[in-house]
Amino acid sequence: MLPLTQVKVMTGVGATLVVLCSIFIGVFPLIFNTIVDKMLVIREDSDTFEAFVTPPIPIYMQFWLFNVTNPEEIRFNGAKPVLEQVGPYTYEEVRVKYAFDWSKEGTVSYLQNKSYIFSPELSGERRESDLITSINVLMVLASHVFQGRQDLISSTIWTQLEASLDLFETHEAGDILFYGYDLPAFNFDFSGLGNLVPKLDETEGWSGTLADVMDQMGFQDVPQVVLDNKLALLLGVNNTDDKVYEVKTGSDGMGDFMNIQSWNGSSTLHYWKGEGAQYCNMINGTDGSQYPPRLTRDSVLRIYTSELCRSLYLTYEKDLYHHGIPVYRYVPPREVLEDPEVNHDNLCYCVPDRDHCLGAGMLSLQPCLGLPLVLSTPHFYQGDEKELAKLVGLNPTKSEHETTIDVEPRTGVAMYAAKKMQLNIPLKRYGNLPSFKNVPEVIFPILWVNESANVDADMSQEVRNAVFVPFVVVDAICGSLIAVGALLLVLSGFRFLHIKRSAEQDKL
């Protein structure tokens, strides 16, 4: 081959390698994104559908119950409650989606069954048979009904309630949470005294279980948990569904992938009636297990889960590594649960009006559950300092009590998630109810829970192989070829200069 021809070949090959490999490195992310998008789309025949139906990652619910150590002092002397956190009681949460409806283009509707199985191995020394002294939720709820009533029937019924129930009762942890403890029989039938007080004739038949009494009083659709004559905080929750969800499948674009379009047949909630209710009733984002791919540090993660009775959002906090995989950590900014008088976006959560707003970190569940319960951050983390000061035994910390989600940004997969909340009930002083005459007024903690999922090392390696190895291989191969191409260009340049100098010397 002639020397000049060698130069041309070396230059052509080198330039081709450099240009083509540089272009491929530039377009490979687009090719990869297209492949990921096709893999993520929810379809019955997709490779990822099984993981959509039943998450392959174990999900755990950890409960910490608040044991009341000074019940008598609280009831009779108005003492500051002294609480002892007991837990965790760890349950494996099994989720199964079913009853799929694909009739609407770009979305799928489904029900999701949740069941909870106690895990002794993950509960340490804690057992469901542990005895816990806690506030009697039924009695506190009843106090909200009977407070201020001075009529004879109400006073007589309350006297019987006081005889049958205590403001603080001791039961096994498992019964408090899921299984329920038996309620006593009640006797509110004072019709025998009707000849003396005619109005008492109305109480005829008001005796037996709580369900019997409610039936005789004319209540319609007595709840199943009442029919069972048991009381537990989560009675009737185990092995049930959470109404119908409709979510985006990603078939018409990944920008709103897995976003909830409707829940329980509606695209909005109808709980909140206050100022700016349209904002508070929005159903935004996903259920927290998956997000649209290609997240950035400026992305805002939006979540809706029915037990929160509202949507939340999380913002970027920092970069981390999860078993060697780069992830972004997102946390709820303080303003999400800020005092409504500080963040006016939260005024619509004031129940029944602005004069009854709760402090920072708290949300009334009255519109959602029909019960005067309060949801808050655990230990009132970033919450109302005044309420925190009314209690002994709480110690809010960021590491223990903050909700966090770690997401692999290219795919939007949550590698670690911990959703944390606390259930409370308002304890108030009512002069006409003996058990409540002296109690302190406080948002009384019952328990707090951490619902978490963590992708283990083996599955993280699978994610790493699928998401990062292709880029490493492409960068390595193309980088090597670019280096070879560049070397050929350099050599061809030197070869050309050598040929040129030789030709000039031959002329001389």
Protein backbone atom coordinates (compact mmCIF):
# COMPACT_ATOMS: atom_id res chain seq x y z
CA MET A 1 0.00 0.00 0.00
CA LEU A 2 1.30 3.42 -0.91
CA PRO A 3 2.39 5.61 2.05
CA LEU A 4 -0.19 8.32 1.33
CA THR A 5 -2.93 5.72 1.03
CA GLN A 6 -1.91 4.37 4.45
CA VAL A 7 -2.36 7.86 5.90
CA LYS A 8 -5.81 8.21 4.34
CA VAL A 9 -6.93 4.81 5.68
CA MET A 10 -5.62 5.50 9.17
CA THR A 11 -7.25 8.94 9.19
CA GLY A 12 -10.58 7.59 7.92
CA VAL A 13 -10.71 4.71 10.37
CA GLY A 14 -9.60 6.87 13.30
CA ALA A 15 -12.07 9.65 12.53
CA THR A 16 -14.88 7.13 12.04
CA LEU A 17 -14.19 5.45 15.39
CA VAL A 18 -14.05 8.80 17.23
CA VAL A 19 -17.17 10.24 15.62
CA LEU A 20 -19.35 7.14 15.72
CA CYS A 21 -18.43 6.19 19.27
CA SER A 22 -18.90 9.78 20.47
CA ILE A 23 -22.33 9.84 18.87
CA PHE A 24 -23.24 6.44 20.35
CA ILE A 25 -22.18 7.56 23.84
CA GLY A 26 -24.43 10.58 23.38
CA VAL A 27 -27.47 8.67 22.12
CA PHE A 28 -27.12 5.57 24.34
CA PRO A 29 -28.96 7.21 27.28
CA LEU A 30 -31.89 7.83 24.92
CA ILE A 31 -31.80 4.20 23.78
CA PHE A 32 -31.56 3.04 27.40
CA ASN A 33 -34.45 5.28 28.44
CA THR A 34 -36.62 3.85 25.67
CA ILE A 35 -35.83 0.31 26.85
CA VAL A 36 -36.56 1.21 30.48
CA ASP A 37 -39.84 2.88 29.55
CA LYS A 38 -41.01 -0.22 27.67
CA MET A 39 -40.03 -2.43 30.62
CA LEU A 40 -41.84 -0.26 33.17
CA VAL A 41 -45.15 0.02 31.32
CA ILE A 42 -47.81 -1.89 33.24
CA ARG A 43 -49.23 -4.64 31.03
CA GLU A 44 -50.48 -8.11 31.82
CA ASP A 45 -47.82 -9.60 29.53
CA SER A 46 -44.90 -7.48 30.74
CA ASP A 47 -41.92 -8.86 32.64
CA THR A 48 -42.59 -6.46 35.50
CA PHE A 49 -46.31 -7.19 35.93
CA GLU A 50 -45.76 -9.83 38.59
CA ALA A 51 -43.80 -7.33 40.69
CA PHE A 52 -46.66 -4.85 40.23
CA VAL A 53 -49.20 -7.39 41.50
CA THR A 54 -47.14 -8.49 44.50
CA PRO A 55 -44.11 -6.39 45.48
CA PRO A 56 -40.98 -8.59 45.56
CA ILE A 57 -39.55 -6.48 48.37
CA PRO A 58 -40.69 -7.32 51.93
CA ILE A 59 -42.79 -4.56 53.50
CA TYR A 60 -42.95 -4.28 57.27
CA MET A 61 -45.22 -2.44 59.67
CA GLN A 62 -43.52 -1.68 62.97
CA PHE A 63 -45.65 -0.46 65.87
CA TRP A 64 -44.51 1.26 69.03
CA LEU A 65 -47.22 1.49 71.69
CA PHE A 66 -47.19 4.13 74.41
CA ASN A 67 -47.51 2.52 77.84
CA VAL A 68 -49.01 4.94 80.37
CA THR A 69 -47.07 4.67 83.66
CA ASN A 70 -49.13 7.09 85.81
CA PRO A 71 -52.81 6.55 84.89
CA GLU A 72 -54.29 7.34 88.31
CA GLU A 73 -52.33 10.59 88.66
CA ILE A 74 -53.56 11.70 85.24
CA ARG A 75 -57.19 10.86 85.95
CA PHE A 76 -57.52 12.23 89.45
CA ASN A 77 -54.82 14.91 89.72
CA GLY A 78 -54.42 16.18 86.18
CA ALA A 79 -50.76 15.11 86.18
CA LYS A 80 -48.59 15.33 83.09
CA PRO A 81 -48.77 11.93 81.30
CA VAL A 82 -45.60 9.87 81.64
CA LEU A 83 -45.28 7.59 78.63
CA GLU A 84 -43.04 4.61 77.97
CA GLN A 85 -42.49 3.64 74.35
CA VAL A 86 -42.77 -0.14 73.92
CA GLY A 87 -41.84 -1.86 70.63
CA PRO A 88 -41.29 -2.54 67.91
CA TYR A 89 -44.07 -5.03 67.24
CA THR A 90 -43.19 -5.96 63.67
CA TYR A 91 -45.66 -7.32 61.13
CA GLU A 92 -44.93 -8.38 57.59
CA GLU A 93 -47.32 -6.57 55.25
CA VAL A 94 -48.43 -8.69 52.30
CA ARG A 95 -49.90 -6.75 49.38
CA VAL A 96 -51.73 -8.35 46.47
CA LYS A 97 -53.44 -6.39 43.69
CA TYR A 98 -56.43 -7.98 41.99
CA ALA A 99 -59.67 -7.27 40.11
CA PHE A 100 -57.87 -5.43 37.28
CA ASP A 101 -59.84 -3.27 34.87
CA TRP A 102 -57.99 -2.27 31.66
CA SER A 103 -61.00 -0.72 29.90
CA LYS A 104 -59.73 2.85 30.14
CA GLU A 105 -56.89 3.75 27.75
CA GLY A 106 -53.62 4.50 29.52
CA THR A 107 -54.82 3.48 33.01
CA VAL A 108 -55.55 0.38 35.05
CA SER A 109 -57.90 0.07 38.01
CA TYR A 110 -57.46 -2.47 40.78
CA LEU A 111 -58.14 -3.41 44.37
CA GLN A 112 -55.27 -4.16 46.74
CA ASN A 113 -55.56 -6.59 49.61
CA LYS A 114 -53.32 -6.02 52.63
CA SER A 115 -52.69 -8.59 55.34
CA TYR A 116 -50.40 -8.45 58.36
CA ILE A 117 -48.45 -11.34 59.88
CA PHE A 118 -46.60 -10.94 63.18
CA SER A 119 -42.83 -11.53 62.95
CA PRO A 120 -41.30 -12.57 66.31
CA GLU A 121 -37.83 -12.61 64.73
CA LEU A 122 -38.03 -8.91 63.85
CA SER A 123 -39.71 -7.87 67.09
CA GLY A 124 -36.79 -8.60 69.42
CA GLU A 125 -38.03 -9.31 72.92
CA ARG A 126 -41.48 -7.93 72.21
CA ARG A 127 -44.45 -10.32 71.94
CA GLU A 128 -48.11 -9.79 71.19
CA SER A 129 -48.89 -11.04 74.72
CA ASP A 130 -47.10 -8.04 76.31
CA LEU A 131 -49.39 -6.11 78.64
CA ILE A 132 -49.76 -2.43 77.78
CA THR A 133 -51.66 0.23 79.72
CA SER A 134 -53.14 2.69 77.25
CA ILE A 135 -55.85 5.27 77.08
CA ASN A 136 -59.34 3.80 76.50
CA VAL A 137 -60.21 5.11 73.06
CA LEU A 138 -63.87 4.04 73.33
CA MET A 139 -64.37 5.98 76.55
CA VAL A 140 -62.69 9.09 75.16
CA LEU A 141 -64.82 8.90 72.03
CA ALA A 142 -67.91 8.53 74.20
CA SER A 143 -66.89 11.59 76.21
CA HIS A 144 -67.02 13.67 73.02
CA VAL A 145 -70.64 12.55 72.59
CA PHE A 146 -71.83 13.04 76.17
CA GLN A 147 -69.87 16.16 77.15
CA GLY A 148 -72.18 19.02 78.02
CA ARG A 149 -75.34 16.87 78.12
CA GLN A 150 -77.31 17.41 81.29
CA ASP A 151 -80.49 15.47 80.50
CA LEU A 152 -81.44 12.56 82.75
CA ILE A 153 -81.03 9.80 80.15
CA SER A 154 -77.53 10.95 79.15
CA SER A 155 -76.44 11.26 82.79
CA THR A 156 -77.82 7.81 83.60
CA ILE A 157 -76.12 6.17 80.61
CA TRP A 158 -72.81 7.83 81.43
CA THR A 159 -73.00 6.54 84.99
CA GLN A 160 -73.28 3.01 83.62
CA LEU A 161 -70.37 3.63 81.22
CA GLU A 162 -68.19 4.76 84.10
CA ALA A 163 -69.10 1.57 85.95
CA SER A 164 -68.15 -0.64 82.98
CA LEU A 165 -65.08 1.14 81.55
CA ASP A 166 -61.91 2.76 82.88
CA LEU A 167 -60.19 5.72 81.28
CA PHE A 168 -56.96 3.71 81.20
CA GLU A 169 -57.02 -0.05 80.67
CA THR A 170 -54.41 -2.78 80.40
CA HIS A 171 -54.59 -5.28 77.54
CA GLU A 172 -52.28 -7.44 75.44
CA ALA A 173 -50.44 -5.62 72.65
CA GLY A 174 -51.84 -7.88 69.92
CA ASP A 175 -55.39 -7.28 71.12
CA ILE A 176 -54.87 -3.52 71.21
CA LEU A 177 -53.58 -3.57 67.63
CA PHE A 178 -55.42 -6.20 65.56
CA TYR A 179 -57.32 -8.89 67.41
CA GLY A 180 -59.48 -6.92 69.80
CA TYR A 181 -60.45 -7.38 73.44
CA ASP A 182 -63.99 -8.14 74.56
CA LEU A 183 -66.20 -5.24 75.52
CA PRO A 184 -68.43 -5.57 78.57
CA ALA A 185 -72.18 -5.92 78.41
CA PHE A 186 -74.12 -2.73 79.09
CA ASN A 187 -77.44 -2.17 80.81
CA PHE A 188 -79.02 1.15 79.92
CA ASP A 189 -82.59 -0.12 80.35
CA PHE A 190 -84.20 2.07 83.02
CA SER A 191 -87.74 1.70 81.74
CA GLY A 192 -88.72 0.13 85.07
CA LEU A 193 -88.48 3.60 86.54
CA GLY A 194 -90.77 5.01 83.88
CA ASN A 195 -93.65 5.38 86.35
CA LEU A 196 -91.45 7.81 88.28
CA VAL A 197 -89.70 9.45 85.37
CA PRO A 198 -91.76 8.93 82.19
CA LYS A 199 -88.88 9.81 79.85
CA LEU A 200 -87.00 6.69 81.00
CA ASP A 201 -89.56 4.59 79.13
CA GLU A 202 -87.53 5.38 76.01
CA THR A 203 -84.65 3.22 77.31
CA GLU A 204 -86.61 -0.03 77.14
CA GLY A 205 -84.44 -2.79 75.63
CA TRP A 206 -81.23 -0.79 75.84
CA SER A 207 -79.12 -3.61 77.23
CA GLY A 208 -76.67 -6.27 76.06
CA THR A 209 -73.65 -5.79 73.82
CA LEU A 210 -72.83 -2.42 72.32
CA ALA A 211 -74.30 -3.65 69.02
CA ASP A 212 -77.51 -4.68 70.78
CA VAL A 213 -77.83 -1.28 72.43
CA MET A 214 -77.14 0.59 69.17
CA ASP A 215 -79.72 -1.55 67.38
CA GLN A 216 -82.35 -0.82 70.03
CA MET A 217 -81.49 2.90 69.81
CA GLY A 218 -82.29 2.79 66.10
CA PHE A 219 -78.78 3.04 64.63
CA GLN A 220 -78.62 1.95 61.00
CA ASP A 221 -75.77 -0.17 59.57
CA VAL A 222 -74.00 -1.05 62.79
CA PRO A 223 -70.28 -1.52 61.91
CA GLN A 224 -68.91 -5.05 61.80
CA VAL A 225 -66.30 -4.24 64.44
CA VAL A 226 -69.14 -3.32 66.80
CA LEU A 227 -71.08 -6.48 65.91
CA ASP A 228 -68.02 -8.51 66.96
CA ASN A 229 -68.23 -6.78 70.37
CA LYS A 230 -64.47 -6.27 70.36
CA LEU A 231 -62.28 -3.21 70.30
CA ALA A 232 -58.89 -2.87 68.60
CA LEU A 233 -57.23 0.05 66.88
CA LEU A 234 -56.90 -1.92 63.62
CA LEU A 235 -59.77 -4.38 64.02
CA GLY A 236 -61.24 -5.13 60.61
CA VAL A 237 -58.18 -3.78 58.77
CA ASN A 238 -56.26 -7.05 58.41
CA ASN A 239 -56.86 -8.94 55.14
CA THR A 240 -58.98 -6.20 53.56
CA ASP A 241 -58.75 -3.99 50.48
CA ASP A 242 -58.30 -0.25 50.30
CA LYS A 243 -61.00 0.70 47.76
CA VAL A 244 -60.38 0.96 44.02
CA TYR A 245 -57.26 2.72 42.71
CA GLU A 246 -56.91 3.90 39.12
CA VAL A 247 -53.31 4.63 38.04
CA LYS A 248 -51.46 5.56 34.87
CA THR A 249 -49.78 2.59 33.19
CA GLY A 250 -47.14 4.57 31.28
CA SER A 251 -48.41 3.41 27.89
CA ASP A 252 -49.03 7.01 26.79
CA GLY A 253 -45.88 8.50 28.37
CA MET A 254 -43.82 8.17 31.52
CA GLY A 255 -44.19 11.72 32.80
CA ASP A 256 -47.10 10.68 35.05
CA PHE A 257 -46.26 6.98 35.37
CA MET A 258 -48.11 5.32 38.29
CA ASN A 259 -49.82 8.58 39.21
CA ILE A 260 -53.19 7.97 40.86
CA GLN A 261 -56.02 9.21 38.66
CA SER A 262 -58.83 8.29 41.03
CA TRP A 263 -59.46 6.54 44.32
CA ASN A 264 -62.76 5.08 45.42
CA GLY A 265 -64.35 6.26 42.18
CA SER A 266 -63.38 9.93 42.51
CA SER A 267 -60.50 12.04 41.20
CA THR A 268 -60.61 14.20 44.34
CA LEU A 269 -61.27 13.79 48.05
CA HIS A 270 -64.33 15.26 49.72
CA TYR A 271 -63.16 15.47 53.31
CA TRP A 272 -61.92 19.01 53.61
CA LYS A 273 -64.27 22.01 53.69
CA GLY A 274 -62.11 24.84 54.96
CA GLU A 275 -60.45 27.75 53.22
CA GLY A 276 -58.75 26.48 50.05
CA ALA A 277 -60.47 23.07 50.23
CA GLN A 278 -59.83 22.44 46.53
CA TYR A 279 -56.10 22.25 47.28
CA CYS A 280 -56.49 19.96 50.29
CA ASN A 281 -58.79 17.56 48.44
CA MET A 282 -56.37 16.92 45.58
CA ILE A 283 -55.23 13.35 44.94
CA ASN A 284 -51.64 13.79 43.76
CA GLY A 285 -48.80 11.46 42.89
CA THR A 286 -48.27 7.72 43.34
CA ASP A 287 -48.67 5.33 46.26
CA GLY A 288 -44.99 5.79 47.11
CA SER A 289 -43.61 2.51 45.75
CA GLN A 290 -42.68 3.75 42.26
CA TYR A 291 -42.18 7.13 40.58
CA PRO A 292 -41.73 8.30 37.01
CA PRO A 293 -38.20 7.61 35.73
CA ARG A 294 -35.44 10.18 35.24
CA LEU A 295 -35.87 12.09 38.49
CA THR A 296 -33.68 15.08 39.26
CA ARG A 297 -32.71 16.90 42.41
CA ASP A 298 -35.41 19.43 41.53
CA SER A 299 -38.14 16.77 41.28
CA VAL A 300 -40.99 16.85 43.78
CA LEU A 301 -42.31 13.44 44.83
CA ARG A 302 -46.05 13.43 45.45
CA ILE A 303 -47.78 10.67 47.40
CA TYR A 304 -51.35 9.74 48.23
CA THR A 305 -52.28 6.95 50.64
CA SER A 306 -55.78 6.69 52.03
CA GLU A 307 -54.78 6.27 55.68
CA LEU A 308 -53.25 9.77 55.60
CA CYS A 309 -56.53 11.23 54.31
CA ARG A 310 -54.54 13.66 52.16
CA SER A 311 -51.72 13.96 49.63
CA LEU A 312 -48.17 14.81 50.66
CA TYR A 313 -45.05 15.83 48.82
CA LEU A 314 -41.33 15.28 49.40
CA THR A 315 -38.34 17.24 48.15
CA TYR A 316 -34.69 16.36 47.57
CA GLU A 317 -32.43 16.36 50.62
CA LYS A 318 -29.13 14.70 49.66
CA ASP A 319 -27.27 12.10 47.59
CA LEU A 320 -26.66 8.68 49.15
CA TYR A 321 -25.57 5.18 48.17
CA HIS A 322 -27.82 2.17 48.69
CA HIS A 323 -25.71 -0.99 48.55
CA GLY A 324 -23.42 0.85 46.11
CA ILE A 325 -26.24 2.32 43.98
CA PRO A 326 -26.44 6.14 43.82
CA VAL A 327 -29.84 7.32 45.12
CA TYR A 328 -31.54 10.60 45.93
CA ARG A 329 -33.09 10.96 49.37
CA TYR A 330 -36.39 12.84 49.54
CA VAL A 331 -38.08 14.02 52.75
CA PRO A 332 -41.23 16.04 53.51
CA PRO A 333 -40.30 19.72 53.89
CA ARG A 334 -41.44 21.31 57.10
CA GLU A 335 -44.12 23.38 55.38
CA VAL A 336 -46.10 20.26 54.42
CA LEU A 337 -47.34 19.87 58.01
CA GLU A 338 -46.62 23.38 59.19
CA ASP A 339 -48.98 25.27 61.51
CA PRO A 340 -51.84 26.58 59.30
CA GLU A 341 -51.34 30.05 60.71
CA VAL A 342 -47.76 29.93 59.39
CA ASN A 343 -48.44 28.12 56.10
CA HIS A 344 -51.86 29.26 54.93
CA ASP A 345 -52.01 26.41 52.39
CA ASN A 346 -52.89 24.22 55.37
CA LEU A 347 -55.86 26.30 56.54
CA CYS A 348 -58.22 23.92 54.74
CA TYR A 349 -57.20 21.20 57.20
CA CYS A 350 -58.63 23.15 60.14
CA VAL A 351 -61.72 21.36 61.50
CA PRO A 352 -64.38 22.63 61.79
CA ASP A 353 -62.99 26.10 61.10
CA ARG A 354 -59.95 28.34 61.42
CA ASP A 355 -60.61 28.84 65.13
CA HIS A 356 -59.92 25.13 65.69
CA CYS A 357 -56.64 24.66 63.80
CA LEU A 358 -54.24 22.10 65.18
CA GLY A 359 -50.57 22.95 65.58
CA ALA A 360 -47.64 21.98 63.37
CA GLY A 361 -47.20 18.31 62.53
CA MET A 362 -50.84 17.34 63.25
CA LEU A 363 -53.90 16.50 61.16
CA SER A 364 -57.48 15.92 62.31
CA LEU A 365 -58.98 12.64 61.06
CA GLN A 366 -62.53 13.67 61.95
CA PRO A 367 -63.59 14.45 58.35
CA CYS A 368 -61.95 11.26 57.08
CA LEU A 369 -62.89 8.66 59.71
CA GLY A 370 -65.76 10.37 61.48
CA LEU A 371 -63.83 10.01 64.74
CA PRO A 372 -62.00 12.71 66.74
CA LEU A 373 -58.56 11.18 66.19
CA VAL A 374 -55.41 13.09 65.32
CA LEU A 375 -52.58 11.96 63.05
CA SER A 376 -49.14 13.43 63.66
CA THR A 377 -45.45 12.92 63.12
CA PRO A 378 -43.93 10.41 65.60
CA HIS A 379 -43.06 11.99 68.95
CA PHE A 380 -44.36 15.25 67.39
CA TYR A 381 -41.17 15.55 65.35
CA GLN A 382 -41.06 19.07 63.83
CA GLY A 383 -44.44 19.50 65.50
CA ASP A 384 -46.18 21.64 68.06
CA GLU A 385 -43.71 22.37 70.88
CA LYS A 386 -46.57 23.23 73.26
CA GLU A 387 -48.12 19.78 72.91
CA LEU A 388 -44.74 18.10 73.24
CA ALA A 389 -44.12 19.96 76.51
CA LYS A 390 -47.34 18.51 77.98
CA LEU A 391 -45.93 14.97 77.90
CA VAL A 392 -43.03 13.09 79.48
CA GLY A 393 -41.25 10.33 77.56
CA LEU A 394 -41.20 11.70 74.01
CA ASN A 395 -37.90 12.44 72.31
CA PRO A 396 -38.31 13.49 68.66
CA THR A 397 -35.25 12.92 66.45
CA LYS A 398 -34.69 13.22 62.71
CA SER A 399 -33.07 9.80 62.30
CA GLU A 400 -35.86 7.93 64.12
CA HIS A 401 -39.01 9.82 63.25
CA GLU A 402 -38.68 11.42 59.82
CA THR A 403 -40.38 9.95 56.75
CA THR A 404 -37.79 9.28 54.01
CA ILE A 405 -37.67 7.78 50.52
CA ASP A 406 -34.45 6.87 48.67
CA VAL A 407 -35.00 6.64 44.91
CA GLU A 408 -32.80 5.39 42.07
CA PRO A 409 -33.30 8.39 39.76
CA ARG A 410 -32.94 6.73 36.33
CA THR A 411 -35.78 4.26 36.89
CA GLY A 412 -37.77 5.97 39.66
CA VAL A 413 -37.61 2.80 41.77
CA ALA A 414 -37.78 3.34 45.54
CA MET A 415 -34.78 1.49 47.01
CA TYR A 416 -35.73 2.36 50.59
CA ALA A 417 -38.88 3.91 52.00
CA ALA A 418 -40.00 4.59 55.56
CA LYS A 419 -43.41 6.19 56.08
CA LYS A 420 -43.84 7.18 59.72
CA MET A 421 -46.89 8.49 61.53
CA GLN A 422 -48.41 8.64 65.00
CA LEU A 423 -52.02 8.12 66.13
CA ASN A 424 -53.32 10.33 68.92
CA ILE A 425 -56.62 11.20 70.57
CA PRO A 426 -57.51 14.58 72.13
CA LEU A 427 -58.04 14.29 75.88
CA LYS A 428 -60.21 17.10 77.22
CA ARG A 429 -61.63 18.11 80.59
CA TYR A 430 -65.42 17.83 80.91
CA GLY A 431 -66.97 18.98 84.20
CA ASN A 432 -70.11 16.85 83.89
CA LEU A 433 -68.18 13.57 83.34
CA PRO A 434 -66.47 12.29 86.52
CA SER A 435 -63.55 10.51 84.81
CA PHE A 436 -62.75 13.66 82.84
CA LYS A 437 -63.20 16.33 85.52
CA ASN A 438 -59.50 16.59 86.38
CA VAL A 439 -57.59 15.30 83.34
CA PRO A 440 -55.07 17.53 81.55
CA GLU A 441 -55.99 18.77 78.10
CA VAL A 442 -53.51 17.17 75.73
CA ILE A 443 -53.19 15.47 72.35
CA PHE A 444 -52.64 12.01 73.82
CA PRO A 445 -50.32 9.61 71.88
CA ILE A 446 -51.56 6.03 71.40
CA LEU A 447 -48.95 4.54 69.08
CA TRP A 448 -46.64 5.34 66.22
CA VAL A 449 -45.90 3.23 63.17
CA ASN A 450 -43.14 2.83 60.61
CA GLU A 451 -44.21 1.26 57.30
CA SER A 452 -40.97 0.46 55.52
CA ALA A 453 -39.48 -1.40 52.56
CA ASN A 454 -35.80 -1.95 51.89
CA VAL A 455 -34.25 -3.43 48.73
CA ASP A 456 -31.66 -5.92 49.98
CA ALA A 457 -28.10 -6.38 48.71
CA ASP A 458 -28.93 -9.21 46.27
CA MET A 459 -31.78 -7.35 44.61
CA SER A 460 -29.71 -4.16 44.61
CA GLN A 461 -27.08 -6.04 42.64
CA GLU A 462 -29.74 -6.98 40.08
CA VAL A 463 -30.74 -3.32 39.81
CA ARG A 464 -27.10 -2.36 39.46
CA ASN A 465 -26.56 -4.92 36.68
CA ALA A 466 -29.63 -3.72 34.81
CA VAL A 467 -29.16 0.04 35.26
CA PHE A 468 -25.45 0.74 35.60
CA VAL A 469 -23.55 -2.11 33.96
CA PRO A 470 -24.81 -1.21 30.44
CA PHE A 471 -23.40 2.31 30.84
CA VAL A 472 -20.11 0.95 32.18
CA VAL A 473 -19.81 -1.47 29.25
CA VAL A 474 -20.70 1.17 26.66
CA ASP A 475 -18.33 3.70 28.20
CA ALA A 476 -15.54 1.12 28.39
CA ILE A 477 -15.93 -0.16 24.81
CA CYS A 478 -16.59 3.21 23.21
CA GLY A 479 -13.90 4.86 25.31
CA SER A 480 -11.40 2.26 24.16
CA LEU A 481 -12.46 2.65 20.52
CA ILE A 482 -12.27 6.44 20.77
CA ALA A 483 -8.76 6.07 22.23
CA VAL A 484 -7.81 3.76 19.33
CA GLY A 485 -9.33 6.19 16.85
CA ALA A 486 -7.49 9.11 18.41
CA LEU A 487 -4.26 7.14 18.35
CA LEU A 488 -4.77 6.35 14.64
CA LEU A 489 -5.36 10.04 13.92
CA VAL A 490 -2.17 10.98 15.78
CA LEU A 491 -0.16 8.28 14.01
CA SER A 492 -1.59 9.27 10.64
CA GLY A 493 -0.57 12.86 11.35
CA PHE A 494 2.98 11.87 12.17
CA ARG A 495 3.04 9.56 9.13
CA PHE A 496 1.83 12.40 6.89
CA LEU A 497 4.50 14.77 8.23
CA HIS A 498 7.16 12.10 7.69
CA ILE A 499 6.03 11.55 4.07
CA LYS A 500 5.98 15.31 3.48
CA ARG A 501 9.51 15.82 4.82
CA SER A 502 10.81 12.86 2.77
CA ALA A 503 9.29 14.33 -0.39
CA GLU A 504 10.90 17.74 0.32
CA GLN A 505 14.31 16.13 0.85
CA ASP A 506 13.99 14.18 -2.43
CA LYS A 507 13.44 17.49 -4.28
CA LEU A 508 16.71 18.77 -2.89
